[in-house]
Amino acid sequence: EVMEIMAGAGVPCGAVLDSTEVLSDPHLRK
């Protein structure tokens, strides 16, 4: 949510993913 709000305000940002999120992320798998 923070990433979406900040990006919507023009602030370059990204959420720091934990290992479970990284290993299950469909974009990273693709």
mmCIF file of all heavy atoms, coordinates in Angstrom:
data_MODEL
# 
_entry.id   MODEL 
# 
loop_
_atom_site.group_PDB 
_atom_site.id 
_atom_site.type_symbol 
_atom_site.label_atom_id 
_atom_site.label_alt_id 
_atom_site.label_comp_id 
_atom_site.label_asym_id 
_atom_site.label_entity_id 
_atom_site.label_seq_id 
_atom_site.pdbx_PDB_ins_code 
_atom_site.Cartn_x 
_atom_site.Cartn_y 
_atom_site.Cartn_z 
_atom_site.occupancy 
_atom_site.B_iso_or_equiv 
_atom_site.pdbx_formal_charge 
_atom_site.auth_seq_id 
_atom_site.auth_comp_id 
_atom_site.auth_asym_id 
_atom_site.auth_atom_id 
_atom_site.pdbx_PDB_model_num 
ATOM 1   N N   . GLU A 1 1  ? 0.834  -1.206  0.000   1.00 0.00 ? 1  GLU A N   1 
ATOM 2   C CA  . GLU A 1 1  ? 0.000  0.000   0.000   1.00 0.00 ? 1  GLU A CA  1 
ATOM 3   C C   . GLU A 1 1  ? 0.865  1.251   0.000   1.00 0.00 ? 1  GLU A C   1 
ATOM 4   O O   . GLU A 1 1  ? 0.593  2.207   -0.741  1.00 0.00 ? 1  GLU A O   1 
ATOM 5   C CB  . GLU A 1 1  ? -0.921 0.003   1.221   1.00 0.00 ? 1  GLU A CB  1 
ATOM 6   C CG  . GLU A 1 1  ? -1.987 -1.070  1.192   1.00 0.00 ? 1  GLU A CG  1 
ATOM 7   C CD  . GLU A 1 1  ? -2.729 -1.207  2.510   1.00 0.00 ? 1  GLU A CD  1 
ATOM 8   O OE1 . GLU A 1 1  ? -2.132 -0.973  3.582   1.00 0.00 ? 1  GLU A OE1 1 
ATOM 9   O OE2 . GLU A 1 1  ? -3.911 -1.557  2.463   1.00 0.00 ? 1  GLU A OE2 1 
ATOM 10  N N   . VAL A 1 2  ? 1.912  1.246   0.814   1.00 0.00 ? 2  VAL A N   1 
ATOM 11  C CA  . VAL A 1 2  ? 2.824  2.395   0.861   1.00 0.00 ? 2  VAL A CA  1 
ATOM 12  C C   . VAL A 1 2  ? 3.459  2.600   -0.510  1.00 0.00 ? 2  VAL A C   1 
ATOM 13  O O   . VAL A 1 2  ? 3.518  3.731   -1.016  1.00 0.00 ? 2  VAL A O   1 
ATOM 14  C CB  . VAL A 1 2  ? 3.912  2.196   1.952   1.00 0.00 ? 2  VAL A CB  1 
ATOM 15  C CG1 . VAL A 1 2  ? 4.994  3.257   1.841   1.00 0.00 ? 2  VAL A CG1 1 
ATOM 16  C CG2 . VAL A 1 2  ? 3.279  2.206   3.335   1.00 0.00 ? 2  VAL A CG2 1 
ATOM 17  N N   . MET A 1 3  ? 3.909  1.526   -1.137  1.00 0.00 ? 3  MET A N   1 
ATOM 18  C CA  . MET A 1 3  ? 4.537  1.620   -2.457  1.00 0.00 ? 3  MET A CA  1 
ATOM 19  C C   . MET A 1 3  ? 3.561  2.208   -3.472  1.00 0.00 ? 3  MET A C   1 
ATOM 20  O O   . MET A 1 3  ? 3.926  3.089   -4.254  1.00 0.00 ? 3  MET A O   1 
ATOM 21  C CB  . MET A 1 3  ? 4.999  0.240   -2.913  1.00 0.00 ? 3  MET A CB  1 
ATOM 22  C CG  . MET A 1 3  ? 5.674  0.237   -4.269  1.00 0.00 ? 3  MET A CG  1 
ATOM 23  S SD  . MET A 1 3  ? 6.193  -1.405  -4.797  1.00 0.00 ? 3  MET A SD  1 
ATOM 24  C CE  . MET A 1 3  ? 4.619  -2.196  -5.085  1.00 0.00 ? 3  MET A CE  1 
ATOM 25  N N   . GLU A 1 4  ? 2.326  1.729   -3.474  1.00 0.00 ? 4  GLU A N   1 
ATOM 26  C CA  . GLU A 1 4  ? 1.329  2.219   -4.430  1.00 0.00 ? 4  GLU A CA  1 
ATOM 27  C C   . GLU A 1 4  ? 1.025  3.700   -4.224  1.00 0.00 ? 4  GLU A C   1 
ATOM 28  O O   . GLU A 1 4  ? 0.972  4.469   -5.181  1.00 0.00 ? 4  GLU A O   1 
ATOM 29  C CB  . GLU A 1 4  ? 0.049  1.396   -4.285  1.00 0.00 ? 4  GLU A CB  1 
ATOM 30  C CG  . GLU A 1 4  ? -0.982 1.701   -5.344  1.00 0.00 ? 4  GLU A CG  1 
ATOM 31  C CD  . GLU A 1 4  ? -2.194 0.790   -5.236  1.00 0.00 ? 4  GLU A CD  1 
ATOM 32  O OE1 . GLU A 1 4  ? -2.023 -0.415  -5.034  1.00 0.00 ? 4  GLU A OE1 1 
ATOM 33  O OE2 . GLU A 1 4  ? -3.315 1.320   -5.358  1.00 0.00 ? 4  GLU A OE2 1 
ATOM 34  N N   . ILE A 1 5  ? 0.860  4.106   -2.987  1.00 0.00 ? 5  ILE A N   1 
ATOM 35  C CA  . ILE A 1 5  ? 0.565  5.507   -2.685  1.00 0.00 ? 5  ILE A CA  1 
ATOM 36  C C   . ILE A 1 5  ? 1.746  6.402   -3.059  1.00 0.00 ? 5  ILE A C   1 
ATOM 37  O O   . ILE A 1 5  ? 1.573  7.447   -3.696  1.00 0.00 ? 5  ILE A O   1 
ATOM 38  C CB  . ILE A 1 5  ? 0.194  5.682   -1.195  1.00 0.00 ? 5  ILE A CB  1 
ATOM 39  C CG1 . ILE A 1 5  ? -1.148 4.977   -0.905  1.00 0.00 ? 5  ILE A CG1 1 
ATOM 40  C CG2 . ILE A 1 5  ? 0.121  7.159   -0.809  1.00 0.00 ? 5  ILE A CG2 1 
ATOM 41  C CD1 . ILE A 1 5  ? -1.451 4.800   0.571   1.00 0.00 ? 5  ILE A CD1 1 
ATOM 42  N N   . MET A 1 6  ? 2.949  5.997   -2.668  1.00 0.00 ? 6  MET A N   1 
ATOM 43  C CA  . MET A 1 6  ? 4.137  6.798   -2.961  1.00 0.00 ? 6  MET A CA  1 
ATOM 44  C C   . MET A 1 6  ? 4.384  6.889   -4.473  1.00 0.00 ? 6  MET A C   1 
ATOM 45  O O   . MET A 1 6  ? 4.686  7.953   -4.996  1.00 0.00 ? 6  MET A O   1 
ATOM 46  C CB  . MET A 1 6  ? 5.364  6.204   -2.261  1.00 0.00 ? 6  MET A CB  1 
ATOM 47  C CG  . MET A 1 6  ? 5.265  6.198   -0.748  1.00 0.00 ? 6  MET A CG  1 
ATOM 48  S SD  . MET A 1 6  ? 5.259  7.837   -0.029  1.00 0.00 ? 6  MET A SD  1 
ATOM 49  C CE  . MET A 1 6  ? 6.980  8.231   -0.132  1.00 0.00 ? 6  MET A CE  1 
ATOM 50  N N   . ALA A 1 7  ? 4.251  5.755   -5.171  1.00 0.00 ? 7  ALA A N   1 
ATOM 51  C CA  . ALA A 1 7  ? 4.446  5.761   -6.621  1.00 0.00 ? 7  ALA A CA  1 
ATOM 52  C C   . ALA A 1 7  ? 3.402  6.647   -7.291  1.00 0.00 ? 7  ALA A C   1 
ATOM 53  O O   . ALA A 1 7  ? 3.713  7.366   -8.248  1.00 0.00 ? 7  ALA A O   1 
ATOM 54  C CB  . ALA A 1 7  ? 4.385  4.342   -7.171  1.00 0.00 ? 7  ALA A CB  1 
ATOM 55  N N   . GLY A 1 8  ? 2.182  6.618   -6.787  1.00 0.00 ? 8  GLY A N   1 
ATOM 56  C CA  . GLY A 1 8  ? 1.119  7.477   -7.325  1.00 0.00 ? 8  GLY A CA  1 
ATOM 57  C C   . GLY A 1 8  ? 1.418  8.951   -7.145  1.00 0.00 ? 8  GLY A C   1 
ATOM 58  O O   . GLY A 1 8  ? 0.925  9.793   -7.904  1.00 0.00 ? 8  GLY A O   1 
ATOM 59  N N   . ALA A 1 9  ? 2.243  9.275   -6.152  1.00 0.00 ? 9  ALA A N   1 
ATOM 60  C CA  . ALA A 1 9  ? 2.635  10.661  -5.902  1.00 0.00 ? 9  ALA A CA  1 
ATOM 61  C C   . ALA A 1 9  ? 3.924  11.018  -6.637  1.00 0.00 ? 9  ALA A C   1 
ATOM 62  O O   . ALA A 1 9  ? 4.467  12.101  -6.456  1.00 0.00 ? 9  ALA A O   1 
ATOM 63  C CB  . ALA A 1 9  ? 2.805  10.888  -4.397  1.00 0.00 ? 9  ALA A CB  1 
ATOM 64  N N   . GLY A 1 10 ? 4.417  10.077  -7.460  1.00 0.00 ? 10 GLY A N   1 
ATOM 65  C CA  . GLY A 1 10 ? 5.618  10.357  -8.241  1.00 0.00 ? 10 GLY A CA  1 
ATOM 66  C C   . GLY A 1 10 ? 6.923  10.067  -7.528  1.00 0.00 ? 10 GLY A C   1 
ATOM 67  O O   . GLY A 1 10 ? 7.988  10.474  -7.993  1.00 0.00 ? 10 GLY A O   1 
ATOM 68  N N   . VAL A 1 11 ? 6.872  9.366   -6.402  1.00 0.00 ? 11 VAL A N   1 
ATOM 69  C CA  . VAL A 1 11 ? 8.086  9.041   -5.651  1.00 0.00 ? 11 VAL A CA  1 
ATOM 70  C C   . VAL A 1 11 ? 8.587  7.672   -6.114  1.00 0.00 ? 11 VAL A C   1 
ATOM 71  O O   . VAL A 1 11 ? 7.869  6.683   -5.995  1.00 0.00 ? 11 VAL A O   1 
ATOM 72  C CB  . VAL A 1 11 ? 7.801  9.000   -4.135  1.00 0.00 ? 11 VAL A CB  1 
ATOM 73  C CG1 . VAL A 1 11 ? 9.049  8.600   -3.364  1.00 0.00 ? 11 VAL A CG1 1 
ATOM 74  C CG2 . VAL A 1 11 ? 7.261  10.343  -3.653  1.00 0.00 ? 11 VAL A CG2 1 
ATOM 75  N N   . PRO A 1 12 ? 9.805  7.608   -6.658  1.00 0.00 ? 12 PRO A N   1 
ATOM 76  C CA  . PRO A 1 12 ? 10.343 6.302   -7.050  1.00 0.00 ? 12 PRO A CA  1 
ATOM 77  C C   . PRO A 1 12 ? 10.511 5.424   -5.807  1.00 0.00 ? 12 PRO A C   1 
ATOM 78  O O   . PRO A 1 12 ? 11.126 5.844   -4.826  1.00 0.00 ? 12 PRO A O   1 
ATOM 79  C CB  . PRO A 1 12 ? 11.705 6.625   -7.657  1.00 0.00 ? 12 PRO A CB  1 
ATOM 80  C CG  . PRO A 1 12 ? 11.699 8.098   -7.898  1.00 0.00 ? 12 PRO A CG  1 
ATOM 81  C CD  . PRO A 1 12 ? 10.720 8.696   -6.935  1.00 0.00 ? 12 PRO A CD  1 
ATOM 82  N N   . CYS A 1 13 ? 9.927  4.242   -5.832  1.00 0.00 ? 13 CYS A N   1 
ATOM 83  C CA  . CYS A 1 13 ? 9.992  3.393   -4.649  1.00 0.00 ? 13 CYS A CA  1 
ATOM 84  C C   . CYS A 1 13 ? 9.684  1.950   -5.017  1.00 0.00 ? 13 CYS A C   1 
ATOM 85  O O   . CYS A 1 13 ? 9.230  1.658   -6.127  1.00 0.00 ? 13 CYS A O   1 
ATOM 86  C CB  . CYS A 1 13 ? 9.005  3.875   -3.590  1.00 0.00 ? 13 CYS A CB  1 
ATOM 87  S SG  . CYS A 1 13 ? 7.295  3.841   -4.151  1.00 0.00 ? 13 CYS A SG  1 
ATOM 88  N N   . GLY A 1 14 ? 9.921  1.071   -4.096  1.00 0.00 ? 14 GLY A N   1 
ATOM 89  C CA  . GLY A 1 14 ? 9.587  -0.331  -4.265  1.00 0.00 ? 14 GLY A CA  1 
ATOM 90  C C   . GLY A 1 14 ? 9.545  -1.008  -2.919  1.00 0.00 ? 14 GLY A C   1 
ATOM 91  O O   . GLY A 1 14 ? 10.292 -0.650  -2.014  1.00 0.00 ? 14 GLY A O   1 
ATOM 92  N N   . ALA A 1 15 ? 8.669  -1.979  -2.779  1.00 0.00 ? 15 ALA A N   1 
ATOM 93  C CA  . ALA A 1 15 ? 8.589  -2.742  -1.536  1.00 0.00 ? 15 ALA A CA  1 
ATOM 94  C C   . ALA A 1 15 ? 9.762  -3.708  -1.467  1.00 0.00 ? 15 ALA A C   1 
ATOM 95  O O   . ALA A 1 15 ? 10.154 -4.290  -2.474  1.00 0.00 ? 15 ALA A O   1 
ATOM 96  C CB  . ALA A 1 15 ? 7.275  -3.510  -1.481  1.00 0.00 ? 15 ALA A CB  1 
ATOM 97  N N   . VAL A 1 16 ? 10.316 -3.873  -0.288  1.00 0.00 ? 16 VAL A N   1 
ATOM 98  C CA  . VAL A 1 16 ? 11.377 -4.850  -0.084  1.00 0.00 ? 16 VAL A CA  1 
ATOM 99  C C   . VAL A 1 16 ? 10.692 -6.180  0.220   1.00 0.00 ? 16 VAL A C   1 
ATOM 100 O O   . VAL A 1 16 ? 9.980  -6.319  1.213   1.00 0.00 ? 16 VAL A O   1 
ATOM 101 C CB  . VAL A 1 16 ? 12.309 -4.444  1.079   1.00 0.00 ? 16 VAL A CB  1 
ATOM 102 C CG1 . VAL A 1 16 ? 13.350 -5.522  1.335   1.00 0.00 ? 16 VAL A CG1 1 
ATOM 103 C CG2 . VAL A 1 16 ? 12.976 -3.112  0.763   1.00 0.00 ? 16 VAL A CG2 1 
ATOM 104 N N   . LEU A 1 17 ? 10.886 -7.158  -0.666  1.00 0.00 ? 17 LEU A N   1 
ATOM 105 C CA  . LEU A 1 17 ? 10.229 -8.447  -0.518  1.00 0.00 ? 17 LEU A CA  1 
ATOM 106 C C   . LEU A 1 17 ? 11.032 -9.375  0.376   1.00 0.00 ? 17 LEU A C   1 
ATOM 107 O O   . LEU A 1 17 ? 12.264 -9.382  0.327   1.00 0.00 ? 17 LEU A O   1 
ATOM 108 C CB  . LEU A 1 17 ? 10.054 -9.100  -1.896  1.00 0.00 ? 17 LEU A CB  1 
ATOM 109 C CG  . LEU A 1 17 ? 9.309  -8.282  -2.950  1.00 0.00 ? 17 LEU A CG  1 
ATOM 110 C CD1 . LEU A 1 17 ? 9.213  -9.071  -4.251  1.00 0.00 ? 17 LEU A CD1 1 
ATOM 111 C CD2 . LEU A 1 17 ? 7.934  -7.879  -2.458  1.00 0.00 ? 17 LEU A CD2 1 
ATOM 112 N N   . ASP A 1 18 ? 10.338 -10.170 1.183   1.00 0.00 ? 18 ASP A N   1 
ATOM 113 C CA  . ASP A 1 18 ? 11.040 -11.187 1.959   1.00 0.00 ? 18 ASP A CA  1 
ATOM 114 C C   . ASP A 1 18 ? 11.248 -12.407 1.069   1.00 0.00 ? 18 ASP A C   1 
ATOM 115 O O   . ASP A 1 18 ? 10.769 -12.455 -0.071  1.00 0.00 ? 18 ASP A O   1 
ATOM 116 C CB  . ASP A 1 18 ? 10.301 -11.522 3.259   1.00 0.00 ? 18 ASP A CB  1 
ATOM 117 C CG  . ASP A 1 18 ? 8.925  -12.136 3.046   1.00 0.00 ? 18 ASP A CG  1 
ATOM 118 O OD1 . ASP A 1 18 ? 8.701  -12.831 2.024   1.00 0.00 ? 18 ASP A OD1 1 
ATOM 119 O OD2 . ASP A 1 18 ? 8.064  -11.943 3.919   1.00 0.00 ? 18 ASP A OD2 1 
ATOM 120 N N   . SER A 1 19 ? 11.982 -13.394 1.545   1.00 0.00 ? 19 SER A N   1 
ATOM 121 C CA  . SER A 1 19 ? 12.342 -14.530 0.694   1.00 0.00 ? 19 SER A CA  1 
ATOM 122 C C   . SER A 1 19 ? 11.118 -15.303 0.209   1.00 0.00 ? 19 SER A C   1 
ATOM 123 O O   . SER A 1 19 ? 11.087 -15.751 -0.941  1.00 0.00 ? 19 SER A O   1 
ATOM 124 C CB  . SER A 1 19 ? 13.317 -15.453 1.422   1.00 0.00 ? 19 SER A CB  1 
ATOM 125 O OG  . SER A 1 19 ? 12.747 -15.916 2.631   1.00 0.00 ? 19 SER A OG  1 
ATOM 126 N N   . THR A 1 20 ? 10.095 -15.445 1.023   1.00 0.00 ? 20 THR A N   1 
ATOM 127 C CA  . THR A 1 20 ? 8.878  -16.142 0.592   1.00 0.00 ? 20 THR A CA  1 
ATOM 128 C C   . THR A 1 20 ? 8.199  -15.390 -0.542  1.00 0.00 ? 20 THR A C   1 
ATOM 129 O O   . THR A 1 20 ? 7.755  -15.993 -1.523  1.00 0.00 ? 20 THR A O   1 
ATOM 130 C CB  . THR A 1 20 ? 7.913  -16.319 1.777   1.00 0.00 ? 20 THR A CB  1 
ATOM 131 O OG1 . THR A 1 20 ? 8.558  -17.087 2.796   1.00 0.00 ? 20 THR A OG1 1 
ATOM 132 C CG2 . THR A 1 20 ? 6.638  -17.018 1.355   1.00 0.00 ? 20 THR A CG2 1 
ATOM 133 N N   . GLU A 1 21 ? 8.133  -14.066 -0.437  1.00 0.00 ? 21 GLU A N   1 
ATOM 134 C CA  . GLU A 1 21 ? 7.522  -13.255 -1.491  1.00 0.00 ? 21 GLU A CA  1 
ATOM 135 C C   . GLU A 1 21 ? 8.327  -13.327 -2.787  1.00 0.00 ? 21 GLU A C   1 
ATOM 136 O O   . GLU A 1 21 ? 7.750  -13.418 -3.868  1.00 0.00 ? 21 GLU A O   1 
ATOM 137 C CB  . GLU A 1 21 ? 7.391  -11.799 -1.033  1.00 0.00 ? 21 GLU A CB  1 
ATOM 138 C CG  . GLU A 1 21 ? 6.384  -11.601 0.076   1.00 0.00 ? 21 GLU A CG  1 
ATOM 139 C CD  . GLU A 1 21 ? 6.434  -10.201 0.659   1.00 0.00 ? 21 GLU A CD  1 
ATOM 140 O OE1 . GLU A 1 21 ? 7.545  -9.732  0.978   1.00 0.00 ? 21 GLU A OE1 1 
ATOM 141 O OE2 . GLU A 1 21 ? 5.368  -9.588  0.798   1.00 0.00 ? 21 GLU A OE2 1 
ATOM 142 N N   . VAL A 1 22 ? 9.640  -13.291 -2.688  1.00 0.00 ? 22 VAL A N   1 
ATOM 143 C CA  . VAL A 1 22 ? 10.497 -13.367 -3.879  1.00 0.00 ? 22 VAL A CA  1 
ATOM 144 C C   . VAL A 1 22 ? 10.301 -14.698 -4.588  1.00 0.00 ? 22 VAL A C   1 
ATOM 145 O O   . VAL A 1 22 ? 10.094 -14.755 -5.799  1.00 0.00 ? 22 VAL A O   1 
ATOM 146 C CB  . VAL A 1 22 ? 11.992 -13.181 -3.515  1.00 0.00 ? 22 VAL A CB  1 
ATOM 147 C CG1 . VAL A 1 22 ? 12.896 -13.543 -4.678  1.00 0.00 ? 22 VAL A CG1 1 
ATOM 148 C CG2 . VAL A 1 22 ? 12.251 -11.748 -3.065  1.00 0.00 ? 22 VAL A CG2 1 
ATOM 149 N N   . LEU A 1 23 ? 10.351 -15.793 -3.834  1.00 0.00 ? 23 LEU A N   1 
ATOM 150 C CA  . LEU A 1 23 ? 10.293 -17.116 -4.431  1.00 0.00 ? 23 LEU A CA  1 
ATOM 151 C C   . LEU A 1 23 ? 8.916  -17.464 -4.999  1.00 0.00 ? 23 LEU A C   1 
ATOM 152 O O   . LEU A 1 23 ? 8.801  -18.350 -5.842  1.00 0.00 ? 23 LEU A O   1 
ATOM 153 C CB  . LEU A 1 23 ? 10.737 -18.172 -3.422  1.00 0.00 ? 23 LEU A CB  1 
ATOM 154 C CG  . LEU A 1 23 ? 12.198 -18.059 -2.992  1.00 0.00 ? 23 LEU A CG  1 
ATOM 155 C CD1 . LEU A 1 23 ? 12.506 -19.074 -1.896  1.00 0.00 ? 23 LEU A CD1 1 
ATOM 156 C CD2 . LEU A 1 23 ? 13.141 -18.219 -4.168  1.00 0.00 ? 23 LEU A CD2 1 
ATOM 157 N N   . SER A 1 24 ? 7.874  -16.758 -4.571  1.00 0.00 ? 24 SER A N   1 
ATOM 158 C CA  . SER A 1 24 ? 6.532  -17.054 -5.078  1.00 0.00 ? 24 SER A CA  1 
ATOM 159 C C   . SER A 1 24 ? 6.002  -15.978 -6.024  1.00 0.00 ? 24 SER A C   1 
ATOM 160 O O   . SER A 1 24 ? 4.881  -16.108 -6.523  1.00 0.00 ? 24 SER A O   1 
ATOM 161 C CB  . SER A 1 24 ? 5.561  -17.249 -3.906  1.00 0.00 ? 24 SER A CB  1 
ATOM 162 O OG  . SER A 1 24 ? 5.444  -16.054 -3.154  1.00 0.00 ? 24 SER A OG  1 
ATOM 163 N N   . ASP A 1 25 ? 6.770  -14.949 -6.294  1.00 0.00 ? 25 ASP A N   1 
ATOM 164 C CA  . ASP A 1 25 ? 6.312  -13.851 -7.148  1.00 0.00 ? 25 ASP A CA  1 
ATOM 165 C C   . ASP A 1 25 ? 6.157  -14.326 -8.602  1.00 0.00 ? 25 ASP A C   1 
ATOM 166 O O   . ASP A 1 25 ? 7.123  -14.784 -9.211  1.00 0.00 ? 25 ASP A O   1 
ATOM 167 C CB  . ASP A 1 25 ? 7.300  -12.695 -7.077  1.00 0.00 ? 25 ASP A CB  1 
ATOM 168 C CG  . ASP A 1 25 ? 6.811  -11.485 -7.845  1.00 0.00 ? 25 ASP A CG  1 
ATOM 169 O OD1 . ASP A 1 25 ? 6.906  -11.500 -9.100  1.00 0.00 ? 25 ASP A OD1 1 
ATOM 170 O OD2 . ASP A 1 25 ? 6.331  -10.538 -7.206  1.00 0.00 ? 25 ASP A OD2 1 
ATOM 171 N N   . PRO A 1 26 ? 4.957  -14.226 -9.176  1.00 0.00 ? 26 PRO A N   1 
ATOM 172 C CA  . PRO A 1 26 ? 4.748  -14.717 -10.547 1.00 0.00 ? 26 PRO A CA  1 
ATOM 173 C C   . PRO A 1 26 ? 5.570  -13.978 -11.594 1.00 0.00 ? 26 PRO A C   1 
ATOM 174 O O   . PRO A 1 26 ? 5.991  -14.562 -12.590 1.00 0.00 ? 26 PRO A O   1 
ATOM 175 C CB  . PRO A 1 26 ? 3.247  -14.530 -10.781 1.00 0.00 ? 26 PRO A CB  1 
ATOM 176 C CG  . PRO A 1 26 ? 2.793  -13.572 -9.746  1.00 0.00 ? 26 PRO A CG  1 
ATOM 177 C CD  . PRO A 1 26 ? 3.744  -13.691 -8.591  1.00 0.00 ? 26 PRO A CD  1 
ATOM 178 N N   . HIS A 1 27 ? 5.835  -12.700 -11.396 1.00 0.00 ? 27 HIS A N   1 
ATOM 179 C CA  . HIS A 1 27 ? 6.630  -11.931 -12.352 1.00 0.00 ? 27 HIS A CA  1 
ATOM 180 C C   . HIS A 1 27 ? 8.090  -12.383 -12.349 1.00 0.00 ? 27 HIS A C   1 
ATOM 181 O O   . HIS A 1 27 ? 8.724  -12.476 -13.396 1.00 0.00 ? 27 HIS A O   1 
ATOM 182 C CB  . HIS A 1 27 ? 6.532  -10.433 -12.067 1.00 0.00 ? 27 HIS A CB  1 
ATOM 183 C CG  . HIS A 1 27 ? 5.142  -9.906  -12.129 1.00 0.00 ? 27 HIS A CG  1 
ATOM 184 N ND1 . HIS A 1 27 ? 4.460  -9.751  -13.310 1.00 0.00 ? 27 HIS A ND1 1 
ATOM 185 C CD2 . HIS A 1 27 ? 4.288  -9.519  -11.155 1.00 0.00 ? 27 HIS A CD2 1 
ATOM 186 C CE1 . HIS A 1 27 ? 3.247  -9.293  -13.065 1.00 0.00 ? 27 HIS A CE1 1 
ATOM 187 N NE2 . HIS A 1 27 ? 3.126  -9.145  -11.759 1.00 0.00 ? 27 HIS A NE2 1 
ATOM 188 N N   . LEU A 1 28 ? 8.618  -12.668 -11.164 1.00 0.00 ? 28 LEU A N   1 
ATOM 189 C CA  . LEU A 1 28 ? 10.003 -13.130 -11.066 1.00 0.00 ? 28 LEU A CA  1 
ATOM 190 C C   . LEU A 1 28 ? 10.145 -14.548 -11.618 1.00 0.00 ? 28 LEU A C   1 
ATOM 191 O O   . LEU A 1 28 ? 11.159 -14.893 -12.203 1.00 0.00 ? 28 LEU A O   1 
ATOM 192 C CB  . LEU A 1 28 ? 10.490 -13.069 -9.618  1.00 0.00 ? 28 LEU A CB  1 
ATOM 193 C CG  . LEU A 1 28 ? 10.567 -11.669 -9.018  1.00 0.00 ? 28 LEU A CG  1 
ATOM 194 C CD1 . LEU A 1 28 ? 11.008 -11.738 -7.560  1.00 0.00 ? 28 LEU A CD1 1 
ATOM 195 C CD2 . LEU A 1 28 ? 11.493 -10.781 -9.819  1.00 0.00 ? 28 LEU A CD2 1 
ATOM 196 N N   . ARG A 1 29 ? 9.107  -15.364 -11.454 1.00 0.00 ? 29 ARG A N   1 
ATOM 197 C CA  . ARG A 1 29 ? 9.138  -16.716 -12.016 1.00 0.00 ? 29 ARG A CA  1 
ATOM 198 C C   . ARG A 1 29 ? 9.091  -16.662 -13.539 1.00 0.00 ? 29 ARG A C   1 
ATOM 199 O O   . ARG A 1 29 ? 9.762  -17.430 -14.212 1.00 0.00 ? 29 ARG A O   1 
ATOM 200 C CB  . ARG A 1 29 ? 7.978  -17.551 -11.483 1.00 0.00 ? 29 ARG A CB  1 
ATOM 201 C CG  . ARG A 1 29 ? 8.207  -17.973 -10.051 1.00 0.00 ? 29 ARG A CG  1 
ATOM 202 C CD  . ARG A 1 29 ? 7.173  -18.994 -9.621  1.00 0.00 ? 29 ARG A CD  1 
ATOM 203 N NE  . ARG A 1 29 ? 7.631  -19.685 -8.442  1.00 0.00 ? 29 ARG A NE  1 
ATOM 204 C CZ  . ARG A 1 29 ? 8.388  -20.771 -8.461  1.00 0.00 ? 29 ARG A CZ  1 
ATOM 205 N NH1 . ARG A 1 29 ? 8.763  -21.302 -9.584  1.00 0.00 ? 29 ARG A NH1 1 
ATOM 206 N NH2 . ARG A 1 29 ? 8.779  -21.329 -7.342  1.00 0.00 ? 29 ARG A NH2 1 
ATOM 207 N N   . LYS A 1 30 ? 8.319  -15.739 -14.079 1.00 0.00 ? 30 LYS A N   1 
ATOM 208 C CA  . LYS A 1 30 ? 8.192  -15.632 -15.534 1.00 0.00 ? 30 LYS A CA  1 
ATOM 209 C C   . LYS A 1 30 ? 9.468  -15.064 -16.159 1.00 0.00 ? 30 LYS A C   1 
ATOM 210 O O   . LYS A 1 30 ? 9.787  -15.368 -17.306 1.00 0.00 ? 30 LYS A O   1 
ATOM 211 C CB  . LYS A 1 30 ? 6.985  -14.762 -15.887 1.00 0.00 ? 30 LYS A CB  1 
ATOM 212 C CG  . LYS A 1 30 ? 6.682  -14.728 -17.364 1.00 0.00 ? 30 LYS A CG  1 
ATOM 213 C CD  . LYS A 1 30 ? 5.438  -13.927 -17.663 1.00 0.00 ? 30 LYS A CD  1 
ATOM 214 C CE  . LYS A 1 30 ? 5.193  -13.920 -19.161 1.00 0.00 ? 30 LYS A CE  1 
ATOM 215 N NZ  . LYS A 1 30 ? 4.034  -13.128 -19.512 1.00 0.00 ? 30 LYS A NZ  1 
# 
